[in-house]
Amino acid sequence: MVTIKDYKKRETKTGEEFFVLILQGGVVPVKSKETNRMYFTAKTCSIASTFDEDTCQQIIGQQFPGNIVKVKTDPYEYALPESGEIITLEHRWEYQDDSLEEVPKVLTENIIEEEEVM
């Protein structure tokens, strides 16, 4: 399950404004590489929406199926918000709706060639 925790206003390259939803996944235990101690965290990501600001405000707290997963990317630089330190990342966090994974498989398995239909 994921929960809508917040929303943010963004702007396209052409100057159009839109809103992204900030999603948060479930709590997961993680072991620190530095201290070797366990702690709990929850992964977050943002996803574009077609909602106006009022709708975004109204749906904060709504939960729905899916997970936030780590997706490998080409290396890119990222400034840590707390310190401004620049680090290089090779991943991003992305929402994945598990219930939709089977749709493409079902569709591809049930394709009927045009010749067979006529």
PDB file of N, CA and C in Angstrom:
ATOM      1  N   MET A   1       0.833  -1.188   0.000  1.00  0.00           N
ATOM      2  CA  MET A   1       0.000   0.000   0.000  1.00  0.00           C
ATOM      3  C   MET A   1       0.876   1.250   0.000  1.00  0.00           C
ATOM      4  N   VAL A   2       0.386   2.272  -0.660  1.00  0.00           N
ATOM      5  CA  VAL A   2       1.021   3.589  -0.617  1.00  0.00           C
ATOM      6  C   VAL A   2      -0.006   4.605  -0.145  1.00  0.00           C
ATOM      7  N   THR A   3       0.492   5.686   0.416  1.00  0.00           N
ATOM      8  CA  THR A   3      -0.366   6.742   0.937  1.00  0.00           C
ATOM      9  C   THR A   3       0.038   8.067   0.295  1.00  0.00           C
ATOM     10  N   ILE A   4      -0.959   8.859  -0.082  1.00  0.00           N
ATOM     11  CA  ILE A   4      -0.690  10.205  -0.580  1.00  0.00           C
ATOM     12  C   ILE A   4      -0.400  11.074   0.641  1.00  0.00           C
ATOM     13  N   LYS A   5       0.840  11.558   0.745  1.00  0.00           N
ATOM     14  CA  LYS A   5       1.262  12.326   1.911  1.00  0.00           C
ATOM     15  C   LYS A   5       1.231  13.831   1.685  1.00  0.00           C
ATOM     16  N   ASP A   6       1.387  14.255   0.414  1.00  0.00           N
ATOM     17  CA  ASP A   6       1.484  15.687   0.136  1.00  0.00           C
ATOM     18  C   ASP A   6       1.358  15.890  -1.372  1.00  0.00           C
ATOM     19  N   TYR A   7       1.472  17.123  -1.800  1.00  0.00           N
ATOM     20  CA  TYR A   7       1.508  17.449  -3.223  1.00  0.00           C
ATOM     21  C   TYR A   7       2.412  18.662  -3.406  1.00  0.00           C
ATOM     22  N   LYS A   8       2.918  18.845  -4.613  1.00  0.00           N
ATOM     23  CA  LYS A   8       3.777  19.984  -4.918  1.00  0.00           C
ATOM     24  C   LYS A   8       3.410  20.532  -6.292  1.00  0.00           C
ATOM     25  N   LYS A   9       3.542  21.851  -6.440  1.00  0.00           N
ATOM     26  CA  LYS A   9       3.309  22.490  -7.733  1.00  0.00           C
ATOM     27  C   LYS A   9       4.613  22.423  -8.526  1.00  0.00           C
ATOM     28  N   ARG A  10       4.519  22.026  -9.776  1.00  0.00           N
ATOM     29  CA  ARG A  10       5.682  21.969 -10.662  1.00  0.00           C
ATOM     30  C   ARG A  10       5.352  22.708 -11.952  1.00  0.00           C
ATOM     31  N   GLU A  11       6.371  22.927 -12.747  1.00  0.00           N
ATOM     32  CA  GLU A  11       6.196  23.643 -14.006  1.00  0.00           C
ATOM     33  C   GLU A  11       6.877  22.862 -15.129  1.00  0.00           C
ATOM     34  N   THR A  12       6.181  22.747 -16.273  1.00  0.00           N
ATOM     35  CA  THR A  12       6.759  22.079 -17.429  1.00  0.00           C
ATOM     36  C   THR A  12       7.793  22.997 -18.075  1.00  0.00           C
ATOM     37  N   LYS A  13       8.539  22.458 -19.027  1.00  0.00           N
ATOM     38  CA  LYS A  13       9.537  23.256 -19.751  1.00  0.00           C
ATOM     39  C   LYS A  13       8.891  24.413 -20.502  1.00  0.00           C
ATOM     40  N   THR A  14       7.604  24.244 -20.846  1.00  0.00           N
ATOM     41  CA  THR A  14       6.893  25.306 -21.571  1.00  0.00           C
ATOM     42  C   THR A  14       6.202  26.297 -20.635  1.00  0.00           C
ATOM     43  N   GLY A  15       6.369  26.122 -19.324  1.00  0.00           N
ATOM     44  CA  GLY A  15       5.819  27.068 -18.368  1.00  0.00           C
ATOM     45  C   GLY A  15       4.440  26.728 -17.821  1.00  0.00           C
ATOM     46  N   GLU A  16       3.871  25.599 -18.226  1.00  0.00           N
ATOM     47  CA  GLU A  16       2.559  25.210 -17.706  1.00  0.00           C
ATOM     48  C   GLU A  16       2.711  24.611 -16.303  1.00  0.00           C
ATOM     49  N   GLU A  17       1.811  24.991 -15.406  1.00  0.00           N
ATOM     50  CA  GLU A  17       1.849  24.468 -14.043  1.00  0.00           C
ATOM     51  C   GLU A  17       1.024  23.193 -13.948  1.00  0.00           C
ATOM     52  N   PHE A  18       1.502  22.273 -13.094  1.00  0.00           N
ATOM     53  CA  PHE A  18       0.769  21.050 -12.790  1.00  0.00           C
ATOM     54  C   PHE A  18       1.158  20.616 -11.386  1.00  0.00           C
ATOM     55  N   PHE A  19       0.453  19.635 -10.857  1.00  0.00           N
ATOM     56  CA  PHE A  19       0.720  19.171  -9.498  1.00  0.00           C
ATOM     57  C   PHE A  19       1.189  17.728  -9.514  1.00  0.00           C
ATOM     58  N   VAL A  20       2.177  17.437  -8.667  1.00  0.00           N
ATOM     59  CA  VAL A  20       2.604  16.058  -8.455  1.00  0.00           C
ATOM     60  C   VAL A  20       2.151  15.637  -7.071  1.00  0.00           C
ATOM     61  N   LEU A  21       1.826  14.381  -6.935  1.00  0.00           N
ATOM     62  CA  LEU A  21       1.455  13.819  -5.640  1.00  0.00           C
ATOM     63  C   LEU A  21       2.700  13.201  -5.021  1.00  0.00           C
ATOM     64  N   ILE A  22       2.890  13.399  -3.724  1.00  0.00           N
ATOM     65  CA  ILE A  22       4.000  12.790  -3.001  1.00  0.00           C
ATOM     66  C   ILE A  22       3.448  11.527  -2.338  1.00  0.00           C
ATOM     67  N   LEU A  23       3.976  10.383  -2.771  1.00  0.00           N
ATOM     68  CA  LEU A  23       3.519   9.097  -2.263  1.00  0.00           C
ATOM     69  C   LEU A  23       4.523   8.550  -1.261  1.00  0.00           C
ATOM     70  N   GLN A  24       4.012   7.834  -0.262  1.00  0.00           N
ATOM     71  CA  GLN A  24       4.879   7.193   0.724  1.00  0.00           C
ATOM     72  C   GLN A  24       4.477   5.730   0.846  1.00  0.00           C
ATOM     73  N   GLY A  25       5.483   4.850   0.783  1.00  0.00           N
ATOM     74  CA  GLY A  25       5.239   3.418   0.917  1.00  0.00           C
ATOM     75  C   GLY A  25       5.187   3.016   2.375  1.00  0.00           C
ATOM     76  N   GLY A  26       5.081   1.722   2.595  1.00  0.00           N
ATOM     77  CA  GLY A  26       5.027   1.191   3.950  1.00  0.00           C
ATOM     78  C   GLY A  26       6.368   1.287   4.663  1.00  0.00           C
ATOM     79  N   VAL A  27       6.330   1.083   5.954  1.00  0.00           N
ATOM     80  CA  VAL A  27       7.528   1.134   6.787  1.00  0.00           C
ATOM     81  C   VAL A  27       8.385  -0.097   6.507  1.00  0.00           C
ATOM     82  N   VAL A  28       9.706   0.132   6.345  1.00  0.00           N
ATOM     83  CA  VAL A  28      10.641  -0.970   6.104  1.00  0.00           C
ATOM     84  C   VAL A  28      11.846  -0.831   7.027  1.00  0.00           C
ATOM     85  N   PRO A  29      12.346  -1.960   7.560  1.00  0.00           N
ATOM     86  CA  PRO A  29      13.561  -1.896   8.370  1.00  0.00           C
ATOM     87  C   PRO A  29      14.793  -1.826   7.467  1.00  0.00           C
ATOM     88  N   VAL A  30      15.786  -1.037   7.886  1.00  0.00           N
ATOM     89  CA  VAL A  30      17.016  -0.864   7.121  1.00  0.00           C
ATOM     90  C   VAL A  30      18.190  -0.927   8.092  1.00  0.00           C
ATOM     91  N   LYS A  31      19.296  -1.516   7.630  1.00  0.00           N
ATOM     92  CA  LYS A  31      20.493  -1.576   8.456  1.00  0.00           C
ATOM     93  C   LYS A  31      21.479  -0.519   7.970  1.00  0.00           C
ATOM     94  N   SER A  32      21.943   0.335   8.873  1.00  0.00           N
ATOM     95  CA  SER A  32      22.873   1.403   8.543  1.00  0.00           C
ATOM     96  C   SER A  32      24.221   0.822   8.138  1.00  0.00           C
ATOM     97  N   LYS A  33      24.767   1.314   7.003  1.00  0.00           N
ATOM     98  CA  LYS A  33      26.098   0.881   6.561  1.00  0.00           C
ATOM     99  C   LYS A  33      27.189   1.442   7.477  1.00  0.00           C
ATOM    100  N   GLU A  34      26.929   2.607   8.066  1.00  0.00           N
ATOM    101  CA  GLU A  34      27.935   3.257   8.910  1.00  0.00           C
ATOM    102  C   GLU A  34      27.958   2.715  10.334  1.00  0.00           C
ATOM    103  N   THR A  35      26.782   2.584  10.963  1.00  0.00           N
ATOM    104  CA  THR A  35      26.735   2.178  12.375  1.00  0.00           C
ATOM    105  C   THR A  35      26.373   0.712  12.564  1.00  0.00           C
ATOM    106  N   ASN A  36      25.902   0.064  11.494  1.00  0.00           N
ATOM    107  CA  ASN A  36      25.474  -1.337  11.547  1.00  0.00           C
ATOM    108  C   ASN A  36      24.238  -1.538  12.424  1.00  0.00           C
ATOM    109  N   ARG A  37      23.530  -0.442  12.753  1.00  0.00           N
ATOM    110  CA  ARG A  37      22.315  -0.506  13.570  1.00  0.00           C
ATOM    111  C   ARG A  37      21.095  -0.462  12.677  1.00  0.00           C
ATOM    112  N   MET A  38      19.998  -1.009  13.164  1.00  0.00           N
ATOM    113  CA  MET A  38      18.738  -1.026  12.419  1.00  0.00           C
ATOM    114  C   MET A  38      17.952   0.259  12.679  1.00  0.00           C
ATOM    115  N   TYR A  39      17.227   0.683  11.670  1.00  0.00           N
ATOM    116  CA  TYR A  39      16.282   1.790  11.814  1.00  0.00           C
ATOM    117  C   TYR A  39      15.130   1.553  10.849  1.00  0.00           C
ATOM    118  N   PHE A  40      14.049   2.299  11.023  1.00  0.00           N
ATOM    119  CA  PHE A  40      12.886   2.180  10.149  1.00  0.00           C
ATOM    120  C   PHE A  40      12.774   3.417   9.276  1.00  0.00           C
ATOM    121  N   THR A  41      12.318   3.208   8.050  1.00  0.00           N
ATOM    122  CA  THR A  41      12.124   4.306   7.119  1.00  0.00           C
ATOM    123  C   THR A  41      10.957   3.965   6.195  1.00  0.00           C
ATOM    124  N   ALA A  42      10.572   4.901   5.397  1.00  0.00           N
ATOM    125  CA  ALA A  42       9.545   4.682   4.374  1.00  0.00           C
ATOM    126  C   ALA A  42       9.988   5.424   3.125  1.00  0.00           C
ATOM    127  N   LYS A  43       9.959   4.764   2.008  1.00  0.00           N
ATOM    128  CA  LYS A  43      10.377   5.364   0.746  1.00  0.00           C
ATOM    129  C   LYS A  43       9.281   6.283   0.224  1.00  0.00           C
ATOM    130  N   THR A  44       9.700   7.366  -0.412  1.00  0.00           N
ATOM    131  CA  THR A  44       8.742   8.299  -1.004  1.00  0.00           C
ATOM    132  C   THR A  44       9.115   8.549  -2.464  1.00  0.00           C
ATOM    133  N   CYS A  45       8.146   8.977  -3.224  1.00  0.00           N
ATOM    134  CA  CYS A  45       8.380   9.377  -4.611  1.00  0.00           C
ATOM    135  C   CYS A  45       7.290  10.363  -5.002  1.00  0.00           C
ATOM    136  N   SER A  46       7.461  10.992  -6.151  1.00  0.00           N
ATOM    137  CA  SER A  46       6.423  11.880  -6.654  1.00  0.00           C
ATOM    138  C   SER A  46       5.921  11.334  -7.982  1.00  0.00           C
ATOM    139  N   ILE A  47       4.660  11.621  -8.273  1.00  0.00           N
ATOM    140  CA  ILE A  47       4.057  11.162  -9.516  1.00  0.00           C
ATOM    141  C   ILE A  47       3.141  12.265 -10.041  1.00  0.00           C
ATOM    142  N   ALA A  48       3.215  12.503 -11.340  1.00  0.00           N
ATOM    143  CA  ALA A  48       2.420  13.571 -11.940  1.00  0.00           C
ATOM    144  C   ALA A  48       0.925  13.278 -11.817  1.00  0.00           C
ATOM    145  N   SER A  49       0.136  14.330 -11.777  1.00  0.00           N
ATOM    146  CA  SER A  49      -1.316  14.175 -11.715  1.00  0.00           C
ATOM    147  C   SER A  49      -1.980  15.176 -12.660  1.00  0.00           C
ATOM    148  N   THR A  50      -3.257  14.964 -12.892  1.00  0.00           N
ATOM    149  CA  THR A  50      -4.053  15.914 -13.673  1.00  0.00           C
ATOM    150  C   THR A  50      -4.988  16.714 -12.763  1.00  0.00           C
ATOM    151  N   PHE A  51      -4.794  16.582 -11.445  1.00  0.00           N
ATOM    152  CA  PHE A  51      -5.684  17.219 -10.477  1.00  0.00           C
ATOM    153  C   PHE A  51      -5.358  18.696 -10.281  1.00  0.00           C
ATOM    154  N   ASP A  52      -6.401  19.454  -9.899  1.00  0.00           N
ATOM    155  CA  ASP A  52      -6.162  20.832  -9.489  1.00  0.00           C
ATOM    156  C   ASP A  52      -5.744  20.821  -8.013  1.00  0.00           C
ATOM    157  N   GLU A  53      -5.367  21.989  -7.500  1.00  0.00           N
ATOM    158  CA  GLU A  53      -4.851  22.054  -6.137  1.00  0.00           C
ATOM    159  C   GLU A  53      -5.881  21.624  -5.096  1.00  0.00           C
ATOM    160  N   ASP A  54      -7.147  22.010  -5.269  1.00  0.00           N
ATOM    161  CA  ASP A  54      -8.189  21.616  -4.313  1.00  0.00           C
ATOM    162  C   ASP A  54      -8.317  20.105  -4.225  1.00  0.00           C
ATOM    163  N   THR A  55      -8.297  19.427  -5.369  1.00  0.00           N
ATOM    164  CA  THR A  55      -8.407  17.969  -5.375  1.00  0.00           C
ATOM    165  C   THR A  55      -7.196  17.357  -4.689  1.00  0.00           C
ATOM    166  N   CYS A  56      -6.009  17.868  -4.976  1.00  0.00           N
ATOM    167  CA  CYS A  56      -4.797  17.358  -4.327  1.00  0.00           C
ATOM    168  C   CYS A  56      -4.908  17.453  -2.806  1.00  0.00           C
ATOM    169  N   GLN A  57      -5.410  18.576  -2.307  1.00  0.00           N
ATOM    170  CA  GLN A  57      -5.576  18.750  -0.861  1.00  0.00           C
ATOM    171  C   GLN A  57      -6.564  17.730  -0.299  1.00  0.00           C
ATOM    172  N   GLN A  58      -7.654  17.490  -1.030  1.00  0.00           N
ATOM    173  CA  GLN A  58      -8.701  16.590  -0.548  1.00  0.00           C
ATOM    174  C   GLN A  58      -8.268  15.128  -0.481  1.00  0.00           C
ATOM    175  N   ILE A  59      -7.340  14.721  -1.335  1.00  0.00           N
ATOM    176  CA  ILE A  59      -6.998  13.291  -1.369  1.00  0.00           C
ATOM    177  C   ILE A  59      -5.775  12.932  -0.530  1.00  0.00           C
ATOM    178  N   ILE A  60      -5.197  13.909   0.168  1.00  0.00           N
ATOM    179  CA  ILE A  60      -4.098  13.583   1.086  1.00  0.00           C
ATOM    180  C   ILE A  60      -4.621  12.584   2.113  1.00  0.00           C
ATOM    181  N   GLY A  61      -3.858  11.529   2.323  1.00  0.00           N
ATOM    182  CA  GLY A  61      -4.241  10.468   3.258  1.00  0.00           C
ATOM    183  C   GLY A  61      -4.853   9.253   2.586  1.00  0.00           C
ATOM    184  N   GLN A  62      -5.286   9.401   1.338  1.00  0.00           N
ATOM    185  CA  GLN A  62      -5.877   8.263   0.629  1.00  0.00           C
ATOM    186  C   GLN A  62      -4.813   7.198   0.378  1.00  0.00           C
ATOM    187  N   GLN A  63      -5.209   5.931   0.548  1.00  0.00           N
ATOM    188  CA  GLN A  63      -4.304   4.803   0.325  1.00  0.00           C
ATOM    189  C   GLN A  63      -4.795   3.979  -0.848  1.00  0.00           C
ATOM    190  N   PHE A  64      -3.840   3.359  -1.553  1.00  0.00           N
ATOM    191  CA  PHE A  64      -4.205   2.472  -2.655  1.00  0.00           C
ATOM    192  C   PHE A  64      -3.088   1.470  -2.878  1.00  0.00           C
ATOM    193  N   PRO A  65      -3.377   0.379  -3.612  1.00  0.00           N
ATOM    194  CA  PRO A  65      -2.398  -0.689  -3.798  1.00  0.00           C
ATOM    195  C   PRO A  65      -1.174  -0.225  -4.576  1.00  0.00           C
ATOM    196  N   GLY A  66      -0.070  -0.865  -4.304  1.00  0.00           N
ATOM    197  CA  GLY A  66       1.158  -0.595  -5.025  1.00  0.00           C
ATOM    198  C   GLY A  66       2.334  -0.478  -4.088  1.00  0.00           C
ATOM    199  N   ASN A  67       3.495  -0.262  -4.669  1.00  0.00           N
ATOM    200  CA  ASN A  67       4.732  -0.146  -3.919  1.00  0.00           C
ATOM    201  C   ASN A  67       5.592   0.955  -4.521  1.00  0.00           C
ATOM    202  N   ILE A  68       6.563   1.399  -3.748  1.00  0.00           N
ATOM    203  CA  ILE A  68       7.575   2.304  -4.259  1.00  0.00           C
ATOM    204  C   ILE A  68       8.838   1.475  -4.425  1.00  0.00           C
ATOM    205  N   VAL A  69       9.340   1.422  -5.656  1.00  0.00           N
ATOM    206  CA  VAL A  69      10.467   0.545  -5.974  1.00  0.00           C
ATOM    207  C   VAL A  69      11.660   1.356  -6.458  1.00  0.00           C
ATOM    208  N   LYS A  70      12.836   0.782  -6.277  1.00  0.00           N
ATOM    209  CA  LYS A  70      14.084   1.396  -6.717  1.00  0.00           C
ATOM    210  C   LYS A  70      14.305   1.054  -8.183  1.00  0.00           C
ATOM    211  N   VAL A  71      14.531   2.087  -9.017  1.00  0.00           N
ATOM    212  CA  VAL A  71      14.729   1.903 -10.449  1.00  0.00           C
ATOM    213  C   VAL A  71      16.128   2.417 -10.809  1.00  0.00           C
ATOM    214  N   LYS A  72      16.924   1.570 -11.444  1.00  0.00           N
ATOM    215  CA  LYS A  72      18.277   1.949 -11.850  1.00  0.00           C
ATOM    216  C   LYS A  72      18.221   2.992 -12.962  1.00  0.00           C
ATOM    217  N   THR A  73      19.109   4.005 -12.863  1.00  0.00           N
ATOM    218  CA  THR A  73      19.177   5.078 -13.853  1.00  0.00           C
ATOM    219  C   THR A  73      20.638   5.332 -14.221  1.00  0.00           C
ATOM    220  N   ASP A  74      20.840   6.153 -15.223  1.00  0.00           N
ATOM    221  CA  ASP A  74      22.184   6.652 -15.510  1.00  0.00           C
ATOM    222  C   ASP A  74      22.599   7.539 -14.342  1.00  0.00           C
ATOM    223  N   PRO A  75      23.886   7.608 -14.035  1.00  0.00           N
ATOM    224  CA  PRO A  75      24.339   8.446 -12.918  1.00  0.00           C
ATOM    225  C   PRO A  75      23.939   9.920 -13.109  1.00  0.00           C
ATOM    226  N   TYR A  76      23.552  10.556 -12.012  1.00  0.00           N
ATOM    227  CA  TYR A  76      23.226  11.981 -12.021  1.00  0.00           C
ATOM    228  C   TYR A  76      23.591  12.591 -10.676  1.00  0.00           C
ATOM    229  N   GLU A  77      23.806  13.889 -10.664  1.00  0.00           N
ATOM    230  CA  GLU A  77      24.167  14.577  -9.426  1.00  0.00           C
ATOM    231  C   GLU A  77      22.919  15.043  -8.705  1.00  0.00           C
ATOM    232  N   TYR A  78      22.976  14.993  -7.374  1.00  0.00           N
ATOM    233  CA  TYR A  78      21.848  15.382  -6.530  1.00  0.00           C
ATOM    234  C   TYR A  78      22.392  16.153  -5.334  1.00  0.00           C
ATOM    235  N   ALA A  79      21.765  17.280  -5.016  1.00  0.00           N
ATOM    236  CA  ALA A  79      22.163  18.074  -3.850  1.00  0.00           C
ATOM    237  C   ALA A  79      21.314  17.657  -2.658  1.00  0.00           C
ATOM    238  N   LEU A  80      21.954  17.225  -1.580  1.00  0.00           N
ATOM    239  CA  LEU A  80      21.233  16.847  -0.367  1.00  0.00           C
ATOM    240  C   LEU A  80      20.583  18.089   0.237  1.00  0.00           C
ATOM    241  N   PRO A  81      19.260  18.033   0.485  1.00  0.00           N
ATOM    242  CA  PRO A  81      18.549  19.220   0.999  1.00  0.00           C
ATOM    243  C   PRO A  81      19.082  19.707   2.343  1.00  0.00           C
ATOM    244  N   GLU A  82      19.501  18.777   3.206  1.00  0.00           N
ATOM    245  CA  GLU A  82      19.937  19.151   4.554  1.00  0.00           C
ATOM    246  C   GLU A  82      21.251  19.924   4.547  1.00  0.00           C
ATOM    247  N   SER A  83      22.197  19.486   3.693  1.00  0.00           N
ATOM    248  CA  SER A  83      23.549  20.054   3.750  1.00  0.00           C
ATOM    249  C   SER A  83      23.998  20.764   2.479  1.00  0.00           C
ATOM    250  N   GLY A  84      23.310  20.499   1.365  1.00  0.00           N
ATOM    251  CA  GLY A  84      23.746  21.058   0.089  1.00  0.00           C
ATOM    252  C   GLY A  84      24.850  20.245  -0.568  1.00  0.00           C
ATOM    253  N   GLU A  85      25.311  19.204   0.126  1.00  0.00           N
ATOM    254  CA  GLU A  85      26.362  18.345  -0.422  1.00  0.00           C
ATOM    255  C   GLU A  85      25.886  17.710  -1.725  1.00  0.00           C
ATOM    256  N   ILE A  86      26.763  17.683  -2.729  1.00  0.00           N
ATOM    257  CA  ILE A  86      26.446  17.088  -4.024  1.00  0.00           C
ATOM    258  C   ILE A  86      26.910  15.630  -4.017  1.00  0.00           C
ATOM    259  N   ILE A  87      25.969  14.731  -4.317  1.00  0.00           N
ATOM    260  CA  ILE A  87      26.305  13.317  -4.410  1.00  0.00           C
ATOM    261  C   ILE A  87      25.883  12.796  -5.783  1.00  0.00           C
ATOM    262  N   THR A  88      26.416  11.660  -6.168  1.00  0.00           N
ATOM    263  CA  THR A  88      26.042  11.036  -7.425  1.00  0.00           C
ATOM    264  C   THR A  88      25.140   9.846  -7.127  1.00  0.00           C
ATOM    265  N   LEU A  89      23.987   9.813  -7.768  1.00  0.00           N
ATOM    266  CA  LEU A  89      23.044   8.710  -7.609  1.00  0.00           C
ATOM    267  C   LEU A  89      22.915   7.955  -8.924  1.00  0.00           C
ATOM    268  N   GLU A  90      22.537   6.682  -8.812  1.00  0.00           N
ATOM    269  CA  GLU A  90      22.296   5.854  -9.995  1.00  0.00           C
ATOM    270  C   GLU A  90      20.944   5.150  -9.898  1.00  0.00           C
ATOM    271  N   HIS A  91      20.015   5.782  -9.183  1.00  0.00           N
ATOM    272  CA  HIS A  91      18.675   5.207  -9.046  1.00  0.00           C
ATOM    273  C   HIS A  91      17.674   6.321  -8.742  1.00  0.00           C
ATOM    274  N   ARG A  92      16.415   5.979  -8.855  1.00  0.00           N
ATOM    275  CA  ARG A  92      15.333   6.854  -8.412  1.00  0.00           C
ATOM    276  C   ARG A  92      14.270   5.944  -7.812  1.00  0.00           C
ATOM    277  N   TRP A  93      13.359   6.526  -7.058  1.00  0.00           N
ATOM    278  CA  TRP A  93      12.250   5.778  -6.471  1.00  0.00           C
ATOM    279  C   TRP A  93      11.011   6.060  -7.300  1.00  0.00           C
ATOM    280  N   GLU A  94      10.270   5.008  -7.640  1.00  0.00           N
ATOM    281  CA  GLU A  94       9.145   5.126  -8.557  1.00  0.00           C
ATOM    282  C   GLU A  94       7.958   4.296  -8.057  1.00  0.00           C
ATOM    283  N   TYR A  95       6.757   4.834  -8.247  1.00  0.00           N
ATOM    284  CA  TYR A  95       5.541   4.106  -7.883  1.00  0.00           C
ATOM    285  C   TYR A  95       5.288   2.977  -8.875  1.00  0.00           C
ATOM    286  N   GLN A  96       4.934   1.810  -8.357  1.00  0.00           N
ATOM    287  CA  GLN A  96       4.598   0.659  -9.197  1.00  0.00           C
ATOM    288  C   GLN A  96       3.263   0.099  -8.713  1.00  0.00           C
ATOM    289  N   ASP A  97       2.286   0.071  -9.602  1.00  0.00           N
ATOM    290  CA  ASP A  97       0.967  -0.476  -9.283  1.00  0.00           C
ATOM    291  C   ASP A  97       0.971  -1.956  -9.634  1.00  0.00           C
ATOM    292  N   ASP A  98       1.063  -2.796  -8.621  1.00  0.00           N
ATOM    293  CA  ASP A  98       1.149  -4.242  -8.832  1.00  0.00           C
ATOM    294  C   ASP A  98      -0.081  -4.806  -9.524  1.00  0.00           C
ATOM    295  N   SER A  99      -1.230  -4.199  -9.319  1.00  0.00           N
ATOM    296  CA  SER A  99      -2.453  -4.741  -9.909  1.00  0.00           C
ATOM    297  C   SER A  99      -2.488  -4.559 -11.418  1.00  0.00           C
ATOM    298  N   LEU A 100      -1.703  -3.608 -11.959  1.00  0.00           N
ATOM    299  CA  LEU A 100      -1.697  -3.363 -13.400  1.00  0.00           C
ATOM    300  C   LEU A 100      -0.661  -4.197 -14.145  1.00  0.00           C
ATOM    301  N   GLU A 101       0.236  -4.870 -13.420  1.00  0.00           N
ATOM    302  CA  GLU A 101       1.291  -5.641 -14.073  1.00  0.00           C
ATOM    303  C   GLU A 101       0.739  -6.730 -14.981  1.00  0.00           C
ATOM    304  N   GLU A 102      -0.386  -7.315 -14.620  1.00  0.00           N
ATOM    305  CA  GLU A 102      -0.932  -8.416 -15.397  1.00  0.00           C
ATOM    306  C   GLU A 102      -1.694  -7.951 -16.634  1.00  0.00           C
ATOM    307  N   VAL A 103      -2.098  -6.690 -16.686  1.00  0.00           N
ATOM    308  CA  VAL A 103      -2.893  -6.213 -17.814  1.00  0.00           C
ATOM    309  C   VAL A 103      -2.164  -6.387 -19.144  1.00  0.00           C
ATOM    310  N   PRO A 104      -0.919  -5.935 -19.294  1.00  0.00           N
ATOM    311  CA  PRO A 104      -0.261  -6.120 -20.586  1.00  0.00           C
ATOM    312  C   PRO A 104      -0.127  -7.586 -20.971  1.00  0.00           C
ATOM    313  N   LYS A 105       0.152  -8.450 -19.996  1.00  0.00           N
ATOM    314  CA  LYS A 105       0.280  -9.878 -20.273  1.00  0.00           C
ATOM    315  C   LYS A 105      -1.044 -10.442 -20.788  1.00  0.00           C
ATOM    316  N   VAL A 106      -2.142 -10.087 -20.136  1.00  0.00           N
ATOM    317  CA  VAL A 106      -3.459 -10.553 -20.557  1.00  0.00           C
ATOM    318  C   VAL A 106      -3.764 -10.056 -21.962  1.00  0.00           C
ATOM    319  N   LEU A 107      -3.475  -8.794 -22.208  1.00  0.00           N
ATOM    320  CA  LEU A 107      -3.752  -8.236 -23.526  1.00  0.00           C
ATOM    321  C   LEU A 107      -2.921  -8.911 -24.610  1.00  0.00           C
ATOM    322  N   THR A 108      -1.646  -9.143 -24.336  1.00  0.00           N
ATOM    323  CA  THR A 108      -0.795  -9.745 -25.361  1.00  0.00           C
ATOM    324  C   THR A 108      -1.130 -11.210 -25.584  1.00  0.00           C
ATOM    325  N   GLU A 109      -1.611 -11.891 -24.566  1.00  0.00           N
ATOM    326  CA  GLU A 109      -1.968 -13.303 -24.716  1.00  0.00           C
ATOM    327  C   GLU A 109      -3.271 -13.474 -25.488  1.00  0.00           C
ATOM    328  N   ASN A 110      -4.106 -12.447 -25.532  1.00  0.00           N
ATOM    329  CA  ASN A 110      -5.420 -12.563 -26.159  1.00  0.00           C
ATOM    330  C   ASN A 110      -5.539 -11.806 -27.479  1.00  0.00           C
ATOM    331  N   ILE A 111      -4.421 -11.489 -28.075  1.00  0.00           N
ATOM    332  CA  ILE A 111      -4.460 -10.807 -29.371  1.00  0.00           C
ATOM    333  C   ILE A 111      -4.850 -11.812 -30.447  1.00  0.00           C
ATOM    334  N   ILE A 112      -5.799 -11.423 -31.277  1.00  0.00           N
ATOM    335  CA  ILE A 112      -6.233 -12.266 -32.401  1.00  0.00           C
ATOM    336  C   ILE A 112      -5.760 -11.591 -33.662  1.00  0.00           C
ATOM    337  N   GLU A 113      -5.026 -12.332 -34.467  1.00  0.00           N
ATOM    338  CA  GLU A 113      -4.535 -11.793 -35.728  1.00  0.00           C
ATOM    339  C   GLU A 113      -5.700 -11.400 -36.634  1.00  0.00           C
ATOM    340  N   GLU A 114      -5.523 -10.323 -37.372  1.00  0.00           N
ATOM    341  CA  GLU A 114      -6.580  -9.786 -38.233  1.00  0.00           C
ATOM    342  C   GLU A 114      -7.066 -10.846 -39.217  1.00  0.00           C
ATOM    343  N   GLU A 115      -6.168 -11.643 -39.737  1.00  0.00           N
ATOM    344  CA  GLU A 115      -6.543 -12.672 -40.714  1.00  0.00           C
ATOM    345  C   GLU A 115      -7.497 -13.691 -40.106  1.00  0.00           C
ATOM    346  N   GLU A 116      -7.329 -14.014 -38.809  1.00  0.00           N
ATOM    347  CA  GLU A 116      -8.167 -15.012 -38.161  1.00  0.00           C
ATOM    348  C   GLU A 116      -9.576 -14.485 -37.908  1.00  0.00           C
ATOM    349  N   VAL A 117      -9.729 -13.190 -37.755  1.00  0.00           N
ATOM    350  CA  VAL A 117     -11.028 -12.600 -37.435  1.00  0.00           C
ATOM    351  C   VAL A 117     -11.918 -12.564 -38.650  1.00  0.00           C
ATOM    352  N   MET A 118     -11.372 -12.279 -39.817  1.00  0.00           N
ATOM    353  CA  MET A 118     -12.165 -12.099 -41.031  1.00  0.00           C
ATOM    354  C   MET A 118     -12.694 -13.372 -41.549  1.00  0.00           C
TER     355      MET A 118
END
